Amino acid sequence: MELKYQDGLIPAIIQDHRSGKVLMLGYMNQEAYQQTLKTGYVTFFSRSRQKLWVKGETSGHRLHVHEIRVDCDQDALLIQADLRGPGVCHLGYKSCFFRKLTGKGEEIILEREFDPAKVYGRGPQENQT
């Protein structure tokens, strides 16, 4: 199967294999996709740093691939994974989707799972993995 990359990238939605909850969205280039297949751990292409990164290489909160699906247009991936750690969000949440938007503004709907300063040794505002 030929995946359809746009500008060299394909979006990859990461879903918790057990709960079905969406954990995060990242982007892969062909090399990141191949590395994910080879190692069994989710690897992304960082658009800001212009390099590959294995999710959890800093935090230890790695994503072990259970199954990879592709959408009908072959231009998006759904990766079901087992999370090895308390969360994927660099702000300390299990999911990067911890805020709900309403007409009145945003509401935090998840509890923080870990202290990002202890995990990363820096403030949570910085872009982390």
N, C-alpha and C. Protein backbone atom coordinates (compact mmCIF):
# COMPACT_ATOMS: atom_id res chain seq x y z
N MET A 1 0.84 -1.18 0.00
CA MET A 1 0.00 0.00 0.00
C MET A 1 0.88 1.24 0.00
N GLU A 2 0.49 2.21 -0.75
CA GLU A 2 1.22 3.47 -0.85
C GLU A 2 0.51 4.53 -0.01
N LEU A 3 1.16 4.99 1.05
CA LEU A 3 0.59 6.06 1.86
C LEU A 3 0.74 7.39 1.13
N LYS A 4 -0.23 8.27 1.35
CA LYS A 4 -0.22 9.57 0.70
C LYS A 4 0.26 10.62 1.70
N TYR A 5 1.50 11.04 1.53
CA TYR A 5 2.10 12.07 2.37
C TYR A 5 1.82 13.42 1.74
N GLN A 6 1.52 14.42 2.56
CA GLN A 6 1.35 15.79 2.08
C GLN A 6 2.53 16.60 2.59
N ASP A 7 3.27 17.19 1.69
CA ASP A 7 4.50 17.91 2.03
C ASP A 7 5.45 17.00 2.81
N GLY A 8 5.44 15.71 2.45
CA GLY A 8 6.34 14.75 3.07
C GLY A 8 5.89 14.20 4.41
N LEU A 9 4.68 14.58 4.87
CA LEU A 9 4.20 14.17 6.19
C LEU A 9 2.81 13.55 6.11
N ILE A 10 2.53 12.69 7.09
CA ILE A 10 1.20 12.11 7.23
C ILE A 10 0.80 12.23 8.70
N PRO A 11 -0.44 12.69 8.99
CA PRO A 11 -0.85 12.78 10.39
C PRO A 11 -1.07 11.39 10.98
N ALA A 12 -0.69 11.25 12.24
CA ALA A 12 -0.85 9.98 12.96
C ALA A 12 -1.59 10.25 14.27
N ILE A 13 -2.80 9.77 14.35
CA ILE A 13 -3.60 9.89 15.57
C ILE A 13 -3.22 8.71 16.46
N ILE A 14 -2.89 9.01 17.71
CA ILE A 14 -2.51 7.95 18.64
C ILE A 14 -3.67 7.71 19.59
N GLN A 15 -4.11 6.45 19.64
CA GLN A 15 -5.25 6.04 20.44
C GLN A 15 -4.81 4.99 21.45
N ASP A 16 -5.28 5.12 22.68
CA ASP A 16 -4.98 4.12 23.70
C ASP A 16 -5.65 2.80 23.29
N HIS A 17 -4.86 1.76 23.18
CA HIS A 17 -5.37 0.47 22.71
C HIS A 17 -6.47 -0.07 23.62
N ARG A 18 -6.32 0.09 24.90
CA ARG A 18 -7.30 -0.49 25.84
C ARG A 18 -8.56 0.34 25.97
N SER A 19 -8.43 1.65 26.16
CA SER A 19 -9.60 2.49 26.44
C SER A 19 -10.25 3.06 25.18
N GLY A 20 -9.47 3.16 24.09
CA GLY A 20 -9.98 3.78 22.88
C GLY A 20 -9.89 5.30 22.88
N LYS A 21 -9.39 5.89 23.97
CA LYS A 21 -9.28 7.35 24.05
C LYS A 21 -8.13 7.85 23.19
N VAL A 22 -8.34 9.00 22.56
CA VAL A 22 -7.30 9.62 21.76
C VAL A 22 -6.29 10.25 22.70
N LEU A 23 -5.01 9.92 22.48
CA LEU A 23 -3.94 10.44 23.33
C LEU A 23 -3.26 11.66 22.72
N MET A 24 -3.01 11.62 21.43
CA MET A 24 -2.28 12.72 20.80
C MET A 24 -2.35 12.62 19.29
N LEU A 25 -1.85 13.66 18.65
CA LEU A 25 -1.70 13.70 17.20
C LEU A 25 -0.25 14.09 16.92
N GLY A 26 0.38 13.39 16.02
CA GLY A 26 1.73 13.74 15.60
C GLY A 26 1.83 13.54 14.11
N TYR A 27 3.00 13.83 13.56
CA TYR A 27 3.22 13.69 12.13
C TYR A 27 4.40 12.76 11.88
N MET A 28 4.29 11.99 10.82
CA MET A 28 5.36 11.08 10.43
C MET A 28 5.78 11.38 9.01
N ASN A 29 7.07 11.30 8.76
CA ASN A 29 7.53 11.23 7.39
C ASN A 29 7.76 9.75 7.10
N GLN A 30 8.20 9.43 5.91
CA GLN A 30 8.36 8.02 5.57
C GLN A 30 9.37 7.32 6.47
N GLU A 31 10.44 8.02 6.83
CA GLU A 31 11.45 7.43 7.70
C GLU A 31 10.90 7.15 9.10
N ALA A 32 10.10 8.06 9.65
CA ALA A 32 9.49 7.85 10.97
C ALA A 32 8.53 6.67 10.93
N TYR A 33 7.76 6.57 9.86
CA TYR A 33 6.83 5.44 9.70
C TYR A 33 7.60 4.12 9.66
N GLN A 34 8.66 4.07 8.87
CA GLN A 34 9.46 2.85 8.77
C GLN A 34 10.10 2.50 10.12
N GLN A 35 10.57 3.51 10.83
CA GLN A 35 11.18 3.29 12.15
C GLN A 35 10.15 2.76 13.13
N THR A 36 8.93 3.27 13.06
CA THR A 36 7.84 2.79 13.90
C THR A 36 7.58 1.31 13.64
N LEU A 37 7.51 0.94 12.36
CA LEU A 37 7.29 -0.46 12.00
C LEU A 37 8.44 -1.34 12.49
N LYS A 38 9.65 -0.87 12.33
CA LYS A 38 10.84 -1.65 12.68
C LYS A 38 10.99 -1.86 14.19
N THR A 39 10.78 -0.80 14.98
CA THR A 39 11.04 -0.88 16.42
C THR A 39 9.83 -1.26 17.25
N GLY A 40 8.63 -0.99 16.75
CA GLY A 40 7.42 -1.24 17.53
C GLY A 40 7.08 -0.10 18.48
N TYR A 41 7.85 0.98 18.41
CA TYR A 41 7.57 2.17 19.22
C TYR A 41 7.29 3.35 18.30
N VAL A 42 6.31 4.17 18.68
CA VAL A 42 5.90 5.28 17.83
C VAL A 42 7.03 6.29 17.69
N THR A 43 7.36 6.59 16.44
CA THR A 43 8.38 7.58 16.09
C THR A 43 7.71 8.63 15.22
N PHE A 44 7.97 9.89 15.54
CA PHE A 44 7.40 10.99 14.79
C PHE A 44 8.50 11.78 14.10
N PHE A 45 8.08 12.67 13.22
CA PHE A 45 8.98 13.68 12.68
C PHE A 45 8.59 15.00 13.33
N SER A 46 9.53 15.62 14.04
CA SER A 46 9.28 16.89 14.69
C SER A 46 9.38 18.00 13.65
N ARG A 47 8.29 18.70 13.43
CA ARG A 47 8.27 19.80 12.48
C ARG A 47 9.08 20.98 13.00
N SER A 48 9.08 21.20 14.30
CA SER A 48 9.81 22.34 14.85
C SER A 48 11.32 22.09 14.88
N ARG A 49 11.72 20.84 15.16
CA ARG A 49 13.15 20.53 15.24
C ARG A 49 13.70 19.92 13.96
N GLN A 50 12.81 19.59 13.03
CA GLN A 50 13.20 19.00 11.75
C GLN A 50 14.04 17.73 11.92
N LYS A 51 13.57 16.85 12.81
CA LYS A 51 14.26 15.57 13.01
C LYS A 51 13.30 14.54 13.57
N LEU A 52 13.69 13.28 13.51
CA LEU A 52 12.90 12.19 14.08
C LEU A 52 12.98 12.24 15.59
N TRP A 53 11.90 11.82 16.24
CA TRP A 53 11.94 11.63 17.69
C TRP A 53 11.02 10.50 18.08
N VAL A 54 11.49 9.67 18.96
CA VAL A 54 10.70 8.57 19.49
C VAL A 54 9.90 9.12 20.67
N LYS A 55 8.61 8.96 20.62
CA LYS A 55 7.78 9.44 21.72
C LYS A 55 8.25 8.77 23.00
N GLY A 56 8.58 9.59 23.98
CA GLY A 56 9.02 9.06 25.27
C GLY A 56 10.52 9.02 25.44
N GLU A 57 11.28 9.48 24.44
CA GLU A 57 12.74 9.41 24.56
C GLU A 57 13.25 10.28 25.70
N THR A 58 12.54 11.33 26.06
CA THR A 58 12.92 12.17 27.20
C THR A 58 12.20 11.75 28.47
N SER A 59 10.90 11.53 28.38
CA SER A 59 10.08 11.25 29.55
C SER A 59 10.09 9.78 29.98
N GLY A 60 10.36 8.89 29.04
CA GLY A 60 10.22 7.46 29.33
C GLY A 60 8.80 6.97 29.11
N HIS A 61 7.88 7.86 28.78
CA HIS A 61 6.47 7.51 28.56
C HIS A 61 6.30 7.11 27.11
N ARG A 62 6.73 5.92 26.80
CA ARG A 62 6.77 5.45 25.42
C ARG A 62 5.44 4.88 24.98
N LEU A 63 5.26 4.84 23.67
CA LEU A 63 4.06 4.29 23.05
C LEU A 63 4.43 3.04 22.27
N HIS A 64 4.00 1.89 22.77
CA HIS A 64 4.27 0.62 22.11
C HIS A 64 3.12 0.33 21.14
N VAL A 65 3.45 0.14 19.89
CA VAL A 65 2.45 -0.05 18.84
C VAL A 65 1.72 -1.38 19.00
N HIS A 66 0.41 -1.32 19.00
CA HIS A 66 -0.42 -2.52 19.00
C HIS A 66 -0.93 -2.80 17.59
N GLU A 67 -1.37 -1.72 16.91
CA GLU A 67 -1.93 -1.88 15.57
C GLU A 67 -1.87 -0.54 14.85
N ILE A 68 -1.63 -0.58 13.55
CA ILE A 68 -1.63 0.63 12.72
C ILE A 68 -2.73 0.48 11.68
N ARG A 69 -3.58 1.48 11.60
CA ARG A 69 -4.64 1.51 10.60
C ARG A 69 -4.45 2.72 9.71
N VAL A 70 -4.98 2.66 8.52
CA VAL A 70 -4.92 3.78 7.58
C VAL A 70 -6.35 4.10 7.16
N ASP A 71 -6.63 5.38 6.93
CA ASP A 71 -7.98 5.76 6.53
C ASP A 71 -8.22 5.43 5.06
N CYS A 72 -9.46 5.63 4.62
CA CYS A 72 -9.86 5.24 3.27
C CYS A 72 -9.12 5.99 2.18
N ASP A 73 -8.66 7.20 2.46
CA ASP A 73 -7.91 7.99 1.47
C ASP A 73 -6.41 7.72 1.52
N GLN A 74 -5.98 6.94 2.50
CA GLN A 74 -4.57 6.58 2.69
C GLN A 74 -3.71 7.80 3.01
N ASP A 75 -4.35 8.83 3.65
CA ASP A 75 -3.59 10.04 3.98
C ASP A 75 -3.61 10.38 5.47
N ALA A 76 -3.99 9.41 6.31
CA ALA A 76 -3.96 9.59 7.76
C ALA A 76 -3.83 8.21 8.41
N LEU A 77 -3.10 8.19 9.52
CA LEU A 77 -2.91 6.94 10.25
C LEU A 77 -3.60 7.00 11.61
N LEU A 78 -4.08 5.86 12.05
CA LEU A 78 -4.59 5.68 13.41
C LEU A 78 -3.72 4.60 14.03
N ILE A 79 -2.97 4.98 15.06
CA ILE A 79 -2.08 4.02 15.70
C ILE A 79 -2.64 3.71 17.08
N GLN A 80 -3.02 2.46 17.27
CA GLN A 80 -3.45 2.01 18.58
C GLN A 80 -2.20 1.55 19.31
N ALA A 81 -2.01 2.11 20.51
CA ALA A 81 -0.77 1.86 21.23
C ALA A 81 -1.04 1.63 22.71
N ASP A 82 -0.06 0.99 23.34
CA ASP A 82 -0.06 0.82 24.78
C ASP A 82 0.88 1.87 25.35
N LEU A 83 0.37 2.71 26.23
CA LEU A 83 1.16 3.77 26.84
C LEU A 83 1.98 3.19 27.98
N ARG A 84 3.28 3.37 27.93
CA ARG A 84 4.19 2.92 28.98
C ARG A 84 4.57 4.13 29.82
N GLY A 85 3.70 4.52 30.71
CA GLY A 85 3.91 5.69 31.56
C GLY A 85 2.58 6.34 31.87
N PRO A 86 2.60 7.40 32.70
CA PRO A 86 1.33 8.01 33.14
C PRO A 86 0.66 8.91 32.11
N GLY A 87 1.39 9.36 31.08
CA GLY A 87 0.75 10.24 30.12
C GLY A 87 1.65 10.59 28.96
N VAL A 88 1.05 11.15 27.92
CA VAL A 88 1.81 11.54 26.73
C VAL A 88 2.00 13.04 26.63
N CYS A 89 1.20 13.82 27.33
CA CYS A 89 1.24 15.27 27.18
C CYS A 89 2.38 15.88 27.98
N HIS A 90 3.14 16.76 27.34
CA HIS A 90 4.27 17.40 28.01
C HIS A 90 3.83 18.38 29.11
N LEU A 91 2.51 18.59 29.23
CA LEU A 91 1.99 19.42 30.31
C LEU A 91 1.53 18.58 31.50
N GLY A 92 1.71 17.26 31.42
CA GLY A 92 1.43 16.39 32.56
C GLY A 92 0.13 15.61 32.52
N TYR A 93 -0.53 15.59 31.39
CA TYR A 93 -1.81 14.89 31.26
C TYR A 93 -1.64 13.58 30.49
N LYS A 94 -2.57 12.66 30.71
CA LYS A 94 -2.51 11.38 29.99
C LYS A 94 -2.69 11.61 28.50
N SER A 95 -3.57 12.53 28.15
CA SER A 95 -3.86 12.85 26.75
C SER A 95 -3.55 14.32 26.49
N CYS A 96 -3.13 14.61 25.27
CA CYS A 96 -2.93 16.01 24.88
C CYS A 96 -4.27 16.73 24.73
N PHE A 97 -5.35 15.99 24.67
CA PHE A 97 -6.69 16.56 24.51
C PHE A 97 -7.37 16.63 25.88
N PHE A 98 -6.83 17.47 26.76
CA PHE A 98 -7.33 17.59 28.13
C PHE A 98 -8.24 18.80 28.33
N ARG A 99 -8.46 19.58 27.26
CA ARG A 99 -9.31 20.76 27.35
C ARG A 99 -10.53 20.61 26.46
N LYS A 100 -11.66 21.05 26.97
CA LYS A 100 -12.90 21.10 26.20
C LYS A 100 -13.18 22.56 25.89
N LEU A 101 -13.51 22.84 24.65
CA LEU A 101 -13.85 24.20 24.23
C LEU A 101 -15.36 24.34 24.14
N THR A 102 -15.85 25.43 24.72
CA THR A 102 -17.28 25.72 24.68
C THR A 102 -17.46 27.18 24.27
N GLY A 103 -18.67 27.62 24.14
CA GLY A 103 -18.96 29.00 23.83
C GLY A 103 -18.50 29.95 24.92
N LYS A 104 -18.30 29.41 26.12
CA LYS A 104 -17.87 30.22 27.26
C LYS A 104 -16.36 30.20 27.44
N GLY A 105 -15.67 29.42 26.63
CA GLY A 105 -14.21 29.33 26.75
C GLY A 105 -13.75 27.89 26.87
N GLU A 106 -12.61 27.70 27.53
CA GLU A 106 -12.07 26.35 27.67
C GLU A 106 -12.26 25.84 29.09
N GLU A 107 -12.35 24.52 29.18
CA GLU A 107 -12.50 23.85 30.47
C GLU A 107 -11.54 22.67 30.50
N ILE A 108 -10.75 22.57 31.54
CA ILE A 108 -9.86 21.41 31.70
C ILE A 108 -10.71 20.25 32.22
N ILE A 109 -10.69 19.15 31.48
CA ILE A 109 -11.57 18.03 31.80
C ILE A 109 -10.84 16.78 32.29
N LEU A 110 -9.51 16.83 32.35
CA LEU A 110 -8.74 15.71 32.86
C LEU A 110 -7.88 16.16 34.03
N GLU A 111 -7.53 15.23 34.88
CA GLU A 111 -6.62 15.51 35.99
C GLU A 111 -5.19 15.37 35.48
N ARG A 112 -4.31 16.20 36.00
CA ARG A 112 -2.88 16.08 35.67
C ARG A 112 -2.37 14.78 36.28
N GLU A 113 -1.63 14.00 35.49
CA GLU A 113 -1.15 12.69 35.90
C GLU A 113 0.27 12.72 36.48
N PHE A 114 1.07 13.72 36.06
CA PHE A 114 2.44 13.79 36.53
C PHE A 114 2.92 15.23 36.48
N ASP A 115 3.98 15.50 37.23
CA ASP A 115 4.58 16.83 37.27
C ASP A 115 5.61 16.93 36.14
N PRO A 116 5.34 17.73 35.12
CA PRO A 116 6.26 17.79 33.98
C PRO A 116 7.65 18.30 34.37
N ALA A 117 7.76 19.16 35.38
CA ALA A 117 9.07 19.66 35.79
C ALA A 117 9.94 18.52 36.33
N LYS A 118 9.32 17.56 37.02
CA LYS A 118 10.07 16.41 37.54
C LYS A 118 10.47 15.45 36.42
N VAL A 119 9.62 15.32 35.43
CA VAL A 119 9.89 14.38 34.33
C VAL A 119 10.91 14.96 33.35
N TYR A 120 10.73 16.22 33.00
CA TYR A 120 11.56 16.83 31.97
C TYR A 120 12.67 17.71 32.51
N GLY A 121 12.55 18.10 33.80
CA GLY A 121 13.56 18.96 34.39
C GLY A 121 13.47 20.40 33.93
N ARG A 122 12.38 20.74 33.25
CA ARG A 122 12.16 22.10 32.76
C ARG A 122 10.70 22.44 32.96
N GLY A 123 10.37 23.68 32.68
CA GLY A 123 8.98 24.12 32.79
C GLY A 123 8.12 23.49 31.72
N PRO A 124 6.82 23.34 31.96
CA PRO A 124 5.91 22.68 31.02
C PRO A 124 5.62 23.47 29.76
N GLN A 125 6.02 24.75 29.70
CA GLN A 125 5.73 25.56 28.52
C GLN A 125 6.59 25.15 27.33
N GLU A 126 7.75 24.56 27.60
CA GLU A 126 8.65 24.21 26.53
C GLU A 126 8.16 22.98 25.77
N ASN A 127 8.48 22.91 24.51
CA ASN A 127 8.07 21.77 23.68
C ASN A 127 8.88 20.55 24.07
N GLN A 128 8.21 19.53 24.56
CA GLN A 128 8.88 18.34 25.08
C GLN A 128 8.37 17.10 24.35
N THR A 129 9.04 15.97 24.60
CA THR A 129 8.57 14.70 24.05
C THR A 129 8.31 13.72 25.14
